[in-house]
Amino acid sequence: MTTTPRTKTTRTSAPHAASKPGHGVRAAPVDGAVTAHCDALSRALVPFRAQADTARRWGERLARVLAGGGRLLAAGNGGSAAQAQHLTAELVGRYREDRPPFSAIALHADTSSTTAIANDYGVDEVFARQVRAHGREGDVLMLLSTSGASANLLSAAEAGREAGMSVWALTGPAPNPLAAAGDESLCVRADTTATVQELHLVTVHMVCAAFDAALEHVLEGGTDDAADDTADA
């Protein structure tokens, strides 16, 4: 019997190198949206910087309140919730240098309470009811919102005022309802929600820097009444 030899077939594949930048195919141009994002942030920084004094006063006031046994409550929705929790983490933990821990609670972080309240009383009460539970006269309530129109934050602001707390609103462009509902406000003027959120994080860090700078003076018994200027920004 005659056997026909099998011909070995060599499989060829498309070269991978051609799909890589620098190997015959040009890399895609940088998406204009990326640099536009940086440009938007740069533009917003100029008017934002003019409000730095508000962040300083907030940090100094927090140093006196928390060192005196008071508490910060903070709340927001979505990305603003993350910013609120960032702030409380810096105060319970530390910002830069080691220091004592202080009482600061991000209200959205208690998922059992938040979901129970939403289920039993409605979403608009998820923060207000916690403010009534944890807030005391002289404490500080900071509410973060890019729109400044969240109903549950407006309810929280009302509960905070009723409890005798100082209510601070960190929002997007003014005018907005939350800024009007707070004792003080810092309103970021920017074209996009992303830019507002980024400058809210800058505000959080500025408040923490002012807090740490004032804390040593406060713990040594300083009572600088001038630093308690709470005029609207």
Protein backbone atom coordinates (compact mmCIF):
# COMPACT_ATOMS: atom_id res chain seq x y z
CA MET A 1 0.00 0.00 0.00
CA THR A 2 1.30 3.36 -0.99
CA THR A 3 1.19 6.07 1.64
CA THR A 4 0.91 9.62 0.53
CA PRO A 5 3.06 11.86 2.69
CA ARG A 6 1.12 14.48 4.62
CA THR A 7 2.04 18.00 3.79
CA LYS A 8 2.75 20.13 6.83
CA THR A 9 0.75 23.31 6.71
CA THR A 10 2.33 26.32 8.25
CA ARG A 11 -0.27 28.54 9.91
CA THR A 12 0.40 32.18 9.54
CA SER A 13 -1.05 34.81 11.81
CA ALA A 14 -1.34 38.52 11.49
CA PRO A 15 1.66 40.24 13.03
CA HIS A 16 0.93 41.60 16.48
CA ALA A 17 3.55 44.27 16.28
CA ALA A 18 1.49 46.30 13.84
CA SER A 19 -1.16 46.87 16.50
CA LYS A 20 1.29 48.45 18.89
CA PRO A 21 2.27 52.10 18.86
CA GLY A 22 5.71 52.56 17.33
CA HIS A 23 5.42 49.45 15.14
CA GLY A 24 3.95 50.85 11.98
CA VAL A 25 0.65 52.12 13.42
CA ARG A 26 0.37 55.57 14.88
CA ALA A 27 -1.08 55.92 18.39
CA ALA A 28 -4.50 57.47 18.59
CA PRO A 29 -4.38 61.23 19.22
CA VAL A 30 -5.00 62.40 22.78
CA ASP A 31 -8.70 62.78 23.36
CA GLY A 32 -9.53 66.48 23.61
CA ALA A 33 -11.93 65.74 26.45
CA VAL A 34 -9.00 64.85 28.70
CA THR A 35 -7.20 68.17 28.31
CA ALA A 36 -10.52 70.02 28.36
CA HIS A 37 -11.13 68.52 31.80
CA CYS A 38 -7.85 69.98 33.05
CA ASP A 39 -8.65 73.33 31.44
CA ALA A 40 -12.03 73.45 33.19
CA LEU A 41 -10.39 72.75 36.54
CA SER A 42 -7.79 75.48 35.95
CA ARG A 43 -10.48 78.03 35.13
CA ALA A 44 -12.53 77.16 38.21
CA LEU A 45 -9.54 77.43 40.54
CA VAL A 46 -9.27 81.19 40.10
CA PRO A 47 -12.65 82.17 41.61
CA PHE A 48 -12.42 79.23 44.04
CA ARG A 49 -9.19 80.51 45.53
CA ALA A 50 -10.93 83.73 46.52
CA GLN A 51 -13.06 81.63 48.92
CA ALA A 52 -10.09 80.12 50.72
CA ASP A 53 -10.82 82.22 53.79
CA THR A 54 -14.11 80.38 54.30
CA ALA A 55 -12.27 77.03 54.43
CA ARG A 56 -9.78 78.54 56.89
CA ARG A 57 -12.54 79.75 59.20
CA TRP A 58 -14.30 76.40 59.04
CA GLY A 59 -11.13 74.58 59.99
CA GLU A 60 -10.45 76.92 62.89
CA ARG A 61 -14.03 76.68 64.13
CA LEU A 62 -13.90 72.88 63.92
CA ALA A 63 -10.72 72.86 65.98
CA ARG A 64 -12.50 74.68 68.81
CA VAL A 65 -15.70 72.65 68.59
CA LEU A 66 -14.09 69.22 68.39
CA ALA A 67 -11.35 69.94 70.94
CA GLY A 68 -14.11 71.08 73.28
CA GLY A 69 -15.90 67.74 73.03
CA GLY A 70 -18.24 68.60 70.18
CA ARG A 71 -18.88 66.63 67.03
CA LEU A 72 -18.95 67.02 63.27
CA LEU A 73 -21.72 65.37 61.28
CA ALA A 74 -21.28 65.26 57.50
CA ALA A 75 -23.51 64.04 54.71
CA GLY A 76 -23.86 63.94 50.95
CA ASN A 77 -25.23 61.79 48.15
CA GLY A 78 -23.20 59.78 45.64
CA GLY A 79 -19.82 61.37 45.00
CA SER A 80 -20.55 63.97 47.67
CA ALA A 81 -21.03 61.13 50.16
CA ALA A 82 -17.50 59.99 49.36
CA GLN A 83 -16.20 63.52 49.98
CA ALA A 84 -18.06 63.74 53.28
CA GLN A 85 -16.59 60.44 54.40
CA HIS A 86 -13.14 61.58 53.30
CA LEU A 87 -13.45 64.55 55.67
CA THR A 88 -14.57 62.52 58.66
CA ALA A 89 -11.81 59.98 58.06
CA GLU A 90 -9.20 62.74 58.17
CA LEU A 91 -10.54 63.93 61.53
CA VAL A 92 -10.97 60.55 63.20
CA GLY A 93 -7.65 59.40 61.78
CA ARG A 94 -5.26 62.15 60.79
CA TYR A 95 -4.56 64.51 57.93
CA ARG A 96 -0.76 64.93 57.99
CA GLU A 97 0.79 65.01 61.43
CA ASP A 98 -0.18 62.67 64.24
CA ARG A 99 -2.71 64.12 66.68
CA PRO A 100 -5.60 62.97 68.89
CA PRO A 101 -8.71 61.57 67.18
CA PHE A 102 -11.87 63.66 67.09
CA SER A 103 -15.55 62.82 66.80
CA ALA A 104 -16.74 63.04 63.18
CA ILE A 105 -19.48 60.93 61.62
CA ALA A 106 -20.41 60.49 57.96
CA LEU A 107 -24.14 59.88 58.19
CA HIS A 108 -24.51 57.87 55.00
CA ALA A 109 -21.89 55.35 56.15
CA ASP A 110 -24.25 53.64 58.62
CA THR A 111 -25.99 51.55 55.98
CA SER A 112 -28.33 49.78 58.41
CA SER A 113 -29.67 53.03 59.84
CA THR A 114 -29.79 54.70 56.44
CA THR A 115 -31.75 51.91 54.78
CA ALA A 116 -34.05 51.40 57.75
CA ILE A 117 -34.91 55.10 57.87
CA ALA A 118 -35.43 55.22 54.09
CA ASN A 119 -37.72 52.21 54.32
CA ASP A 120 -39.75 53.45 57.30
CA TYR A 121 -39.75 57.22 56.86
CA GLY A 122 -38.72 57.92 53.27
CA VAL A 123 -35.47 58.91 51.60
CA ASP A 124 -35.87 62.57 52.52
CA GLU A 125 -35.43 61.64 56.20
CA VAL A 126 -32.29 59.49 55.95
CA PHE A 127 -30.00 62.25 57.20
CA ALA A 128 -32.40 64.42 59.17
CA ARG A 129 -33.34 61.64 61.57
CA GLN A 130 -29.67 60.86 62.21
CA VAL A 131 -28.98 64.55 62.82
CA ARG A 132 -31.69 64.54 65.48
CA ALA A 133 -30.13 61.45 67.04
CA HIS A 134 -26.46 62.51 67.04
CA GLY A 135 -26.39 66.30 66.80
CA ARG A 136 -26.17 68.54 69.85
CA GLU A 137 -26.24 72.28 70.29
CA GLY A 138 -22.91 73.74 69.28
CA ASP A 139 -21.96 70.83 67.01
CA VAL A 140 -21.27 71.30 63.30
CA LEU A 141 -23.21 69.82 60.39
CA MET A 142 -21.51 69.95 56.99
CA LEU A 143 -23.65 69.12 53.96
CA LEU A 144 -22.10 68.52 50.54
CA SER A 145 -24.01 68.72 47.27
CA THR A 146 -22.99 69.60 43.73
CA SER A 147 -26.53 70.70 42.86
CA GLY A 148 -27.45 72.21 46.21
CA ALA A 149 -30.96 70.90 45.71
CA SER A 150 -31.06 67.45 47.33
CA ALA A 151 -34.22 67.13 49.40
CA ASN A 152 -32.65 64.87 52.03
CA LEU A 153 -29.88 67.42 52.65
CA LEU A 154 -32.36 70.27 52.91
CA SER A 155 -34.25 68.25 55.53
CA ALA A 156 -30.97 67.64 57.36
CA ALA A 157 -30.16 71.35 57.34
CA GLU A 158 -33.52 72.10 58.94
CA ALA A 159 -32.96 69.42 61.58
CA GLY A 160 -29.50 70.81 62.29
CA ARG A 161 -30.79 74.32 62.82
CA GLU A 162 -33.51 73.03 65.12
CA ALA A 163 -30.84 71.24 67.16
CA GLY A 164 -28.75 74.40 67.51
CA MET A 165 -25.95 73.14 65.27
CA SER A 166 -23.86 75.26 62.92
CA VAL A 167 -24.89 74.23 59.40
CA TRP A 168 -22.32 74.57 56.63
CA ALA A 169 -23.16 73.98 52.98
CA LEU A 170 -20.48 73.00 50.46
CA THR A 171 -22.18 73.18 47.09
CA GLY A 172 -21.93 73.85 43.39
CA PRO A 173 -22.76 77.22 41.81
CA ALA A 174 -24.90 79.69 43.73
CA PRO A 175 -27.68 80.47 44.17
CA ASN A 176 -29.07 77.16 45.31
CA PRO A 177 -31.47 76.03 48.08
CA LEU A 178 -28.87 74.33 50.28
CA ALA A 179 -26.60 77.37 50.34
CA ALA A 180 -29.58 79.43 51.43
CA ALA A 181 -30.49 76.89 54.11
CA GLY A 182 -27.07 76.85 55.76
CA ASP A 183 -25.56 79.27 58.27
CA GLU A 184 -22.55 79.49 55.99
CA SER A 185 -21.82 78.28 52.49
CA LEU A 186 -18.94 77.76 50.13
CA CYS A 187 -20.27 77.56 46.58
CA VAL A 188 -17.97 76.34 43.81
CA ARG A 189 -18.52 78.06 40.48
CA ALA A 190 -17.72 75.52 37.76
CA ASP A 191 -19.20 74.26 34.51
CA THR A 192 -19.34 70.55 35.33
CA THR A 193 -20.22 68.32 38.25
CA ALA A 194 -16.81 66.65 38.03
CA THR A 195 -15.00 69.96 38.52
CA VAL A 196 -17.24 70.87 41.45
CA GLN A 197 -16.47 67.54 43.12
CA GLU A 198 -12.73 67.96 42.59
CA LEU A 199 -12.79 71.38 44.24
CA HIS A 200 -14.89 70.00 47.07
CA LEU A 201 -12.03 67.61 47.77
CA VAL A 202 -9.61 70.55 47.73
CA THR A 203 -11.91 72.27 50.23
CA VAL A 204 -11.85 69.20 52.47
CA HIS A 205 -8.06 69.26 52.52
CA MET A 206 -7.96 73.03 53.13
CA VAL A 207 -10.33 72.64 56.08
CA CYS A 208 -8.14 69.87 57.48
CA ALA A 209 -4.99 71.96 57.04
CA ALA A 210 -6.61 74.88 58.88
CA PHE A 211 -7.92 72.50 61.56
CA ASP A 212 -4.45 71.12 62.24
CA ALA A 213 -2.85 74.58 62.21
CA ALA A 214 -5.37 75.90 64.74
CA LEU A 215 -5.49 72.82 66.95
CA GLU A 216 -2.21 73.34 68.77
CA HIS A 217 -3.25 76.86 69.75
CA VAL A 218 -6.66 75.64 70.89
CA LEU A 219 -5.24 72.79 72.98
CA GLU A 220 -2.89 75.25 74.67
CA GLY A 221 -5.90 77.24 75.84
CA GLY A 222 -6.05 79.87 73.12
CA THR A 223 -9.41 81.55 72.55
CA ASP A 224 -9.02 83.66 69.45
CA ASP A 225 -12.52 85.11 69.11
CA ALA A 226 -11.60 86.80 65.87
CA ALA A 227 -11.25 83.43 64.25
CA ASP A 228 -14.91 82.75 65.03
CA ASP A 229 -16.09 85.15 62.37
CA THR A 230 -18.92 83.29 60.70
CA ALA A 231 -20.00 85.87 58.15
CA ASP A 232 -21.36 84.36 54.96
CA ALA A 233 -18.78 83.82 52.25
